[in-house]
């Protein structure tokens, strides 16, 4: 392994990604130990894989002696480490995809042990389907209100489960979707600017289930998923409430200021042949006509120190939508992961207020005190 000072991309990762990794389920000790072994970006995926393998070995040894709860937790931790290894590692597509396949497989090994379990479902979409994790909490209502959860450019349905916990605790079901250009779907489907197509497919699927109240469907999206959520709210009338977290108004407005890995990842997942073409495709992800069409309740959340999607994006979305609330955390990072407990509690309470009514009984009021809000 190369010694010395980390290169520019590794240094940027160390400076900016710690809060995100830990807020979404990775131990701070694993973050610091793994980062200490990386000085070259080319080593990034391999070293996160080494950390993942340690958890895979723990999971297997615990399964062998019947410690299934520990094994399931270790599988999910291994999955997250593989995910961090691959998530913007588009420089080496073969290595990236192999890591992603390990992430998916490890998470499936541990998903059933979550409370409530994460059920892998397939949402019909054109001539294919989109994989998603559906979680339905226990409670007095036979049919639960639900939140469709949309990843961003480099997040996945697995990473969203840390945020899902806040919604589940308030009596809301969640369905986290790998849409076009995301997670398991990224290899067959390019990024889709008209993401309302995905939202419509998800609502149609939810309407087919006897355990879901398809009259109380909300949507949450983070980062590029925040754009997707707002876009879906503009064109899918069955969505009752929307949260856009760190979502861009138009993705090309700050293109030159985006980190190189973010631009490269967008180029790769949008199917663009060059960075110039990627910039043009980023401009197609715009709310210029859509924002004013959003009439339902919309909560726009952003961070004052977000270096990827500056706060003015959220301010513009909120100013053009008729029924929007704007919350900017002055010291908030991208996705406000440096204030994860506070911001996620607030968003979950807001969604529960708009979707639950009496359907969630006393569950949301009791547990919101535990999780904040």
Protein backbone atom coordinates (compact mmCIF):
# COMPACT_ATOMS: atom_id res chain seq x y z
CA UNK A 1 0.00 0.00 0.00
CA UNK A 2 1.26 3.44 -0.89
CA UNK A 3 2.47 5.58 2.00
CA UNK A 4 2.46 9.34 2.45
CA UNK A 5 -0.17 12.02 2.21
CA UNK A 6 -3.55 11.09 0.69
CA UNK A 7 -4.24 12.30 -2.81
CA UNK A 8 -6.79 15.03 -3.48
CA UNK A 9 -9.82 12.77 -3.84
CA UNK A 10 -9.02 10.74 -0.74
CA UNK A 11 -8.41 13.89 1.28
CA UNK A 12 -11.78 15.30 0.15
CA UNK A 13 -13.50 12.06 1.13
CA UNK A 14 -11.92 12.12 4.58
CA UNK A 15 -12.95 15.73 5.08
CA UNK A 16 -16.56 15.50 3.91
CA UNK A 17 -17.94 11.96 4.07
CA UNK A 18 -17.53 10.93 7.70
CA UNK A 19 -20.89 12.30 8.87
CA UNK A 20 -22.75 10.60 6.04
CA UNK A 21 -21.11 7.23 6.58
CA UNK A 22 -21.73 7.20 10.32
CA UNK A 23 -25.26 8.63 10.11
CA UNK A 24 -26.20 5.77 7.81
CA UNK A 25 -24.89 2.92 9.93
CA UNK A 26 -21.10 2.66 9.69
CA UNK A 27 -19.11 2.87 12.92
CA UNK A 28 -16.83 5.87 13.24
CA UNK A 29 -14.03 3.47 14.13
CA UNK A 30 -14.49 1.62 10.85
CA UNK A 31 -14.46 4.92 8.96
CA UNK A 32 -11.25 6.15 10.56
CA UNK A 33 -9.47 2.79 10.39
CA UNK A 34 -10.33 2.30 6.73
CA UNK A 35 -9.41 5.84 5.78
CA UNK A 36 -6.05 5.47 7.53
CA UNK A 37 -5.15 2.72 5.05
CA UNK A 38 -6.01 4.74 1.92
CA UNK A 39 -3.68 7.26 0.33
CA UNK A 40 -4.55 6.71 -3.36
CA UNK A 41 -8.05 6.90 -4.82
CA UNK A 42 -7.31 3.72 -6.78
CA UNK A 43 -7.11 1.88 -3.43
CA UNK A 44 -10.49 3.16 -2.22
CA UNK A 45 -12.75 0.30 -3.21
CA UNK A 46 -10.28 -2.42 -2.25
CA UNK A 47 -9.73 -1.09 1.27
CA UNK A 48 -13.44 -0.68 1.98
CA UNK A 49 -13.77 -4.22 0.72
CA UNK A 50 -11.19 -5.36 3.28
CA UNK A 51 -13.29 -3.83 6.04
CA UNK A 52 -16.40 -5.46 4.58
CA UNK A 53 -14.74 -8.88 4.51
CA UNK A 54 -14.06 -8.69 8.23
CA UNK A 55 -17.79 -8.30 8.83
CA UNK A 56 -18.58 -11.09 6.36
CA UNK A 57 -16.29 -13.40 8.32
CA UNK A 58 -17.97 -12.36 11.57
CA UNK A 59 -21.40 -12.99 10.07
CA UNK A 60 -20.45 -16.46 8.88
CA UNK A 61 -18.87 -17.47 12.19
CA UNK A 62 -21.92 -16.24 14.13
CA UNK A 63 -24.28 -18.15 11.83
CA UNK A 64 -22.27 -21.30 12.45
CA UNK A 65 -22.92 -21.11 16.20
CA UNK A 66 -26.50 -19.90 15.94
CA UNK A 67 -25.97 -16.23 16.85
CA UNK A 68 -28.31 -15.09 14.12
CA UNK A 69 -29.03 -11.57 15.36
CA UNK A 70 -25.35 -10.74 15.43
CA UNK A 71 -24.86 -12.39 12.07
CA UNK A 72 -27.62 -10.32 10.47
CA UNK A 73 -26.16 -7.10 11.83
CA UNK A 74 -22.72 -8.04 10.57
CA UNK A 75 -24.10 -8.78 7.11
CA UNK A 76 -25.69 -5.32 6.95
CA UNK A 77 -22.46 -3.65 8.09
CA UNK A 78 -20.54 -5.57 5.47
CA UNK A 79 -23.05 -4.40 2.86
CA UNK A 80 -22.57 -0.77 3.81
CA UNK A 81 -18.79 -1.08 3.58
CA UNK A 82 -19.05 -2.59 0.11
CA UNK A 83 -21.48 0.20 -0.78
CA UNK A 84 -19.02 2.90 0.33
CA UNK A 85 -16.34 1.19 -1.68
CA UNK A 86 -18.33 1.30 -4.89
CA UNK A 87 -20.64 4.32 -4.61
CA UNK A 88 -18.69 6.88 -6.69
CA UNK A 89 -15.89 4.54 -7.78
CA UNK A 90 -16.65 4.73 -11.50
CA UNK A 91 -12.98 4.91 -12.55
CA UNK A 92 -12.80 1.11 -12.47
CA UNK A 93 -16.24 -0.19 -13.54
CA UNK A 94 -15.42 -3.87 -13.11
CA UNK A 95 -14.20 -3.44 -9.55
CA UNK A 96 -17.11 -1.12 -8.80
CA UNK A 97 -19.73 -3.57 -10.01
CA UNK A 98 -18.19 -6.49 -8.16
CA UNK A 99 -18.30 -4.48 -4.93
CA UNK A 100 -21.90 -3.51 -5.58
CA UNK A 101 -22.94 -7.10 -6.12
CA UNK A 102 -21.36 -7.99 -2.78
CA UNK A 103 -23.20 -5.08 -1.13
CA UNK A 104 -26.54 -6.28 -2.48
CA UNK A 105 -25.93 -9.89 -1.49
CA UNK A 106 -24.74 -9.07 2.02
CA UNK A 107 -27.68 -6.79 2.70
CA UNK A 108 -30.16 -9.42 1.59
CA UNK A 109 -28.61 -11.81 4.09
CA UNK A 110 -29.40 -9.37 6.90
CA UNK A 111 -32.58 -7.67 5.68
CA UNK A 112 -35.04 -10.21 7.08
CA UNK A 113 -33.79 -9.65 10.63
CA UNK A 114 -34.67 -5.95 10.66
CA UNK A 115 -37.71 -4.85 12.68
CA UNK A 116 -39.90 -4.73 10.70
CA UNK A 117 -38.20 -6.96 8.11
CA UNK A 118 -37.18 -5.52 4.75
CA UNK A 119 -39.03 -7.41 2.03
CA UNK A 120 -37.41 -7.34 -1.38
CA UNK A 121 -40.10 -6.54 -3.96
CA UNK A 122 -40.10 -5.80 -7.69
CA UNK A 123 -41.99 -2.79 -9.04
CA UNK A 124 -43.14 -3.28 -12.66
CA UNK A 125 -41.61 -0.55 -14.81
CA UNK A 126 -42.02 -0.62 -18.57
CA UNK A 127 -40.63 -3.92 -19.82
CA UNK A 128 -38.53 -4.44 -16.70
CA UNK A 129 -38.86 -3.99 -12.93
CA UNK A 130 -37.25 -1.92 -10.20
CA UNK A 131 -36.00 -3.62 -7.01
CA UNK A 132 -37.18 -2.07 -3.75
CA UNK A 133 -37.19 -2.80 -0.03
CA UNK A 134 -40.66 -2.61 1.53
CA UNK A 135 -41.02 -2.43 5.31
CA UNK A 136 -44.43 -2.41 6.99
CA UNK A 137 -44.62 -1.70 10.73
CA UNK A 138 -46.90 -3.51 13.13
CA UNK A 139 -49.81 -1.52 14.47
CA UNK A 140 -53.58 -1.33 14.86
CA UNK A 141 -54.35 -0.32 11.26
CA UNK A 142 -54.64 -3.13 8.74
CA UNK A 143 -53.44 -0.87 5.93
CA UNK A 144 -50.51 1.45 6.61
CA UNK A 145 -49.69 4.85 5.14
CA UNK A 146 -46.44 4.66 3.23
CA UNK A 147 -43.46 6.77 2.17
CA UNK A 148 -41.74 6.11 -1.15
CA UNK A 149 -38.02 6.71 -0.55
CA UNK A 150 -35.84 7.86 -3.45
CA UNK A 151 -32.02 7.65 -3.42
CA UNK A 152 -29.77 10.26 -4.96
CA UNK A 153 -26.93 10.04 -7.46
CA UNK A 154 -24.78 7.72 -5.37
CA UNK A 155 -27.09 6.36 -2.66
CA UNK A 156 -29.18 3.19 -2.83
CA UNK A 157 -32.21 1.55 -1.25
CA UNK A 158 -29.90 -0.11 1.30
CA UNK A 159 -28.34 3.15 2.46
CA UNK A 160 -31.79 4.73 2.94
CA UNK A 161 -32.75 2.27 5.67
CA UNK A 162 -31.16 4.37 8.40
CA UNK A 163 -33.56 7.19 7.53
CA UNK A 164 -36.44 4.75 7.11
CA UNK A 165 -36.14 3.83 10.79
CA UNK A 166 -37.43 7.28 11.78
CA UNK A 167 -40.52 6.89 9.61
CA UNK A 168 -41.21 3.33 10.68
CA UNK A 169 -41.08 4.39 14.33
CA UNK A 170 -43.94 6.78 13.63
CA UNK A 171 -46.16 4.11 12.11
CA UNK A 172 -45.33 4.75 8.46
CA UNK A 173 -44.45 1.98 6.04
CA UNK A 174 -41.50 2.65 3.73
CA UNK A 175 -40.54 1.48 0.27
CA UNK A 176 -37.02 2.40 -0.86
CA UNK A 177 -36.59 2.11 -4.62
CA UNK A 178 -33.56 1.64 -6.87
CA UNK A 179 -34.79 3.69 -9.83
CA UNK A 180 -33.10 4.33 -13.17
CA UNK A 181 -29.41 5.07 -12.69
CA UNK A 182 -29.56 3.97 -9.05
CA UNK A 183 -28.38 0.89 -7.19
CA UNK A 184 -29.30 -2.40 -8.82
CA UNK A 185 -31.01 -0.57 -11.70
CA UNK A 186 -28.02 1.55 -12.68
CA UNK A 187 -26.51 -1.03 -15.03
CA UNK A 188 -29.59 -1.38 -17.26
CA UNK A 189 -31.32 2.02 -16.97
CA UNK A 190 -29.78 5.47 -17.28
CA UNK A 191 -30.75 8.39 -15.04
CA UNK A 192 -34.33 9.48 -15.74
CA UNK A 193 -35.08 13.24 -15.58
CA UNK A 194 -38.85 12.55 -15.71
CA UNK A 195 -38.82 10.61 -12.47
CA UNK A 196 -42.58 10.90 -12.09
CA UNK A 197 -42.67 7.75 -14.21
CA UNK A 198 -40.97 5.88 -11.38
CA UNK A 199 -43.27 7.40 -8.76
CA UNK A 200 -46.34 6.42 -10.78
CA UNK A 201 -45.06 2.84 -11.09
CA UNK A 202 -44.43 2.71 -7.34
CA UNK A 203 -47.90 4.04 -6.45
CA UNK A 204 -49.49 1.57 -8.86
CA UNK A 205 -47.59 -1.26 -7.18
CA UNK A 206 -48.55 -0.11 -3.68
CA UNK A 207 -52.22 -0.01 -4.70
CA UNK A 208 -52.02 -3.75 -5.34
CA UNK A 209 -51.08 -4.56 -1.74
CA UNK A 210 -53.58 -5.29 1.00
CA UNK A 211 -51.27 -4.02 3.77
CA UNK A 212 -50.79 -0.51 2.31
CA UNK A 213 -53.17 2.45 2.35
CA UNK A 214 -52.73 3.76 -1.17
CA UNK A 215 -54.76 6.85 -0.27
CA UNK A 216 -51.99 8.00 2.05
CA UNK A 217 -48.77 7.86 0.05
CA UNK A 218 -45.91 10.29 0.57
CA UNK A 219 -42.50 10.62 -1.04
CA UNK A 220 -39.06 11.42 0.36
CA UNK A 221 -35.90 11.99 -1.63
CA UNK A 222 -32.36 13.01 -0.74
CA UNK A 223 -29.81 14.85 -2.89
CA UNK A 224 -30.64 14.13 -6.53
CA UNK A 225 -33.51 12.14 -5.04
CA UNK A 226 -34.74 15.44 -3.60
CA UNK A 227 -35.16 16.65 -7.17
CA UNK A 228 -36.86 13.37 -8.06
CA UNK A 229 -39.30 13.72 -5.15
CA UNK A 230 -40.25 17.28 -6.09
CA UNK A 231 -40.57 16.31 -9.74
CA UNK A 232 -42.82 13.39 -8.81
CA UNK A 233 -45.01 15.65 -6.66
CA UNK A 234 -45.55 17.95 -9.63
CA UNK A 235 -46.91 15.25 -11.93
CA UNK A 236 -48.22 12.34 -9.78
CA UNK A 237 -51.40 13.59 -8.06
CA UNK A 238 -51.74 10.56 -5.79
CA UNK A 239 -48.76 11.69 -3.70
CA UNK A 240 -50.18 13.31 -0.57
CA UNK A 241 -47.03 14.85 0.96
CA UNK A 242 -43.44 15.35 -0.22
CA UNK A 243 -40.06 15.88 1.42
CA UNK A 244 -37.20 17.18 -0.74
CA UNK A 245 -33.91 16.94 1.18
CA UNK A 246 -30.91 18.68 -0.42
CA UNK A 247 -32.54 18.46 -3.83
CA UNK A 248 -31.29 20.62 -6.73
CA UNK A 249 -33.58 23.00 -8.59
CA UNK A 250 -31.59 22.38 -11.74
CA UNK A 251 -28.61 20.06 -11.62
CA UNK A 252 -26.30 21.87 -14.01
CA UNK A 253 -26.37 25.25 -12.25
CA UNK A 254 -23.26 24.48 -10.18
CA UNK A 255 -21.72 21.91 -12.50
CA UNK A 256 -18.23 23.44 -12.52
CA UNK A 257 -18.15 23.53 -8.72
CA UNK A 258 -19.10 19.88 -8.24
CA UNK A 259 -16.35 17.49 -7.12
CA UNK A 260 -14.74 15.61 -10.03
CA UNK A 261 -16.06 12.27 -8.77
CA UNK A 262 -19.62 13.59 -8.69
CA UNK A 263 -19.38 14.80 -12.28
CA UNK A 264 -17.80 11.52 -13.36
CA UNK A 265 -20.48 9.51 -11.57
CA UNK A 266 -23.26 11.50 -13.22
CA UNK A 267 -21.65 11.04 -16.62
CA UNK A 268 -21.40 7.29 -16.05
CA UNK A 269 -24.95 6.82 -14.74
CA UNK A 270 -26.59 9.14 -17.23
CA UNK A 271 -24.99 7.28 -20.14
CA UNK A 272 -23.26 10.41 -21.44
CA UNK A 273 -20.30 9.88 -23.76
CA UNK A 274 -18.40 12.95 -22.55
CA UNK A 275 -18.41 15.50 -19.76
CA UNK A 276 -19.85 18.08 -22.15
CA UNK A 277 -22.74 15.76 -22.88
CA UNK A 278 -23.12 15.03 -19.17
CA UNK A 279 -23.47 18.76 -18.47
CA UNK A 280 -26.25 18.98 -21.07
CA UNK A 281 -28.03 15.99 -19.56
CA UNK A 282 -27.70 17.51 -16.10
CA UNK A 283 -29.60 20.51 -17.42
CA UNK A 284 -32.55 18.23 -18.19
CA UNK A 285 -32.98 17.61 -14.48
CA UNK A 286 -34.85 20.84 -13.84
CA UNK A 287 -37.89 22.02 -11.90
CA UNK A 288 -38.27 25.19 -13.96
CA UNK A 289 -41.72 24.15 -15.23
CA UNK A 290 -42.47 21.60 -12.53
CA UNK A 291 -42.11 23.51 -9.27
CA UNK A 292 -45.15 25.70 -9.84
CA UNK A 293 -47.22 22.58 -10.49
CA UNK A 294 -46.63 21.28 -6.97
CA UNK A 295 -49.82 22.01 -5.03
CA UNK A 296 -49.67 19.44 -2.24
CA UNK A 297 -47.74 19.85 1.03
CA UNK A 298 -44.00 20.10 0.36
CA UNK A 299 -41.22 20.25 2.94
CA UNK A 300 -37.91 21.48 1.51
CA UNK A 301 -34.87 20.85 3.72
CA UNK A 302 -31.30 21.94 3.08
CA UNK A 303 -27.96 22.75 4.63
CA UNK A 304 -26.36 26.17 4.74
CA UNK A 305 -22.93 24.60 4.23
CA UNK A 306 -23.95 22.12 1.54
CA UNK A 307 -21.09 22.15 -0.99
CA UNK A 308 -22.93 19.98 -3.55
CA UNK A 309 -26.40 21.55 -3.59
CA UNK A 310 -26.18 25.06 -2.13
CA UNK A 311 -29.13 26.29 -0.11
CA UNK A 312 -30.39 28.60 -2.84
CA UNK A 313 -31.70 25.56 -4.72
CA UNK A 314 -34.10 24.73 -1.91
CA UNK A 315 -35.04 28.36 -1.50
CA UNK A 316 -35.99 28.56 -5.16
CA UNK A 317 -38.03 25.35 -5.06
CA UNK A 318 -39.92 26.55 -2.01
CA UNK A 319 -40.56 29.99 -3.49
CA UNK A 320 -42.17 28.56 -6.63
CA UNK A 321 -44.29 25.79 -5.07
CA UNK A 322 -47.66 26.91 -3.69
CA UNK A 323 -47.73 24.95 -0.44
CA UNK A 324 -44.09 24.65 0.60
CA UNK A 325 -42.29 24.90 3.91
CA UNK A 326 -38.55 25.64 3.89
CA UNK A 327 -36.11 24.54 6.58
CA UNK A 328 -32.43 25.44 6.18
CA UNK A 329 -29.97 24.29 8.85
CA UNK A 330 -27.32 27.06 8.79
CA UNK A 331 -24.46 24.68 9.62
CA UNK A 332 -25.95 21.75 7.73
CA UNK A 333 -23.84 19.64 5.39
CA UNK A 334 -25.13 17.92 2.26
CA UNK A 335 -28.20 15.97 3.33
CA UNK A 336 -27.78 17.51 6.80
CA UNK A 337 -26.03 14.32 7.90
CA UNK A 338 -24.13 16.31 10.52
CA UNK A 339 -27.53 16.88 12.18
CA UNK A 340 -29.05 13.56 11.24
CA UNK A 341 -31.07 12.94 14.40
CA UNK A 342 -32.60 16.39 14.47
CA UNK A 343 -33.34 16.70 10.75
CA UNK A 344 -34.61 13.15 10.25
CA UNK A 345 -36.86 13.39 13.26
CA UNK A 346 -38.31 16.62 11.94
CA UNK A 347 -38.96 15.20 8.48
CA UNK A 348 -40.49 12.00 9.86
CA UNK A 349 -42.77 13.92 12.21
CA UNK A 350 -43.89 16.14 9.32
CA UNK A 351 -44.66 13.14 7.12
CA UNK A 352 -46.51 11.36 9.90
CA UNK A 353 -48.58 14.48 10.50
CA UNK A 354 -49.67 14.61 6.87
CA UNK A 355 -50.09 10.89 6.22
CA UNK A 356 -51.10 9.23 9.46
CA UNK A 357 -53.98 11.16 10.99
CA UNK A 358 -55.66 8.61 13.24
CA UNK A 359 -54.37 5.67 11.21
CA UNK A 360 -51.20 5.26 13.26
CA UNK A 361 -53.01 5.38 16.57
CA UNK A 362 -50.80 6.40 19.48
CA UNK A 363 -47.67 4.87 17.94
CA UNK A 364 -46.28 7.96 16.23
CA UNK A 365 -46.87 10.24 19.21
CA UNK A 366 -45.23 7.80 21.61
CA UNK A 367 -42.14 7.10 19.55
CA UNK A 368 -41.56 10.62 18.26
CA UNK A 369 -40.55 11.43 21.82
CA UNK A 370 -37.94 8.69 21.63
CA UNK A 371 -36.51 9.76 18.28
CA UNK A 372 -36.97 13.49 18.63
CA UNK A 373 -39.55 15.97 17.39
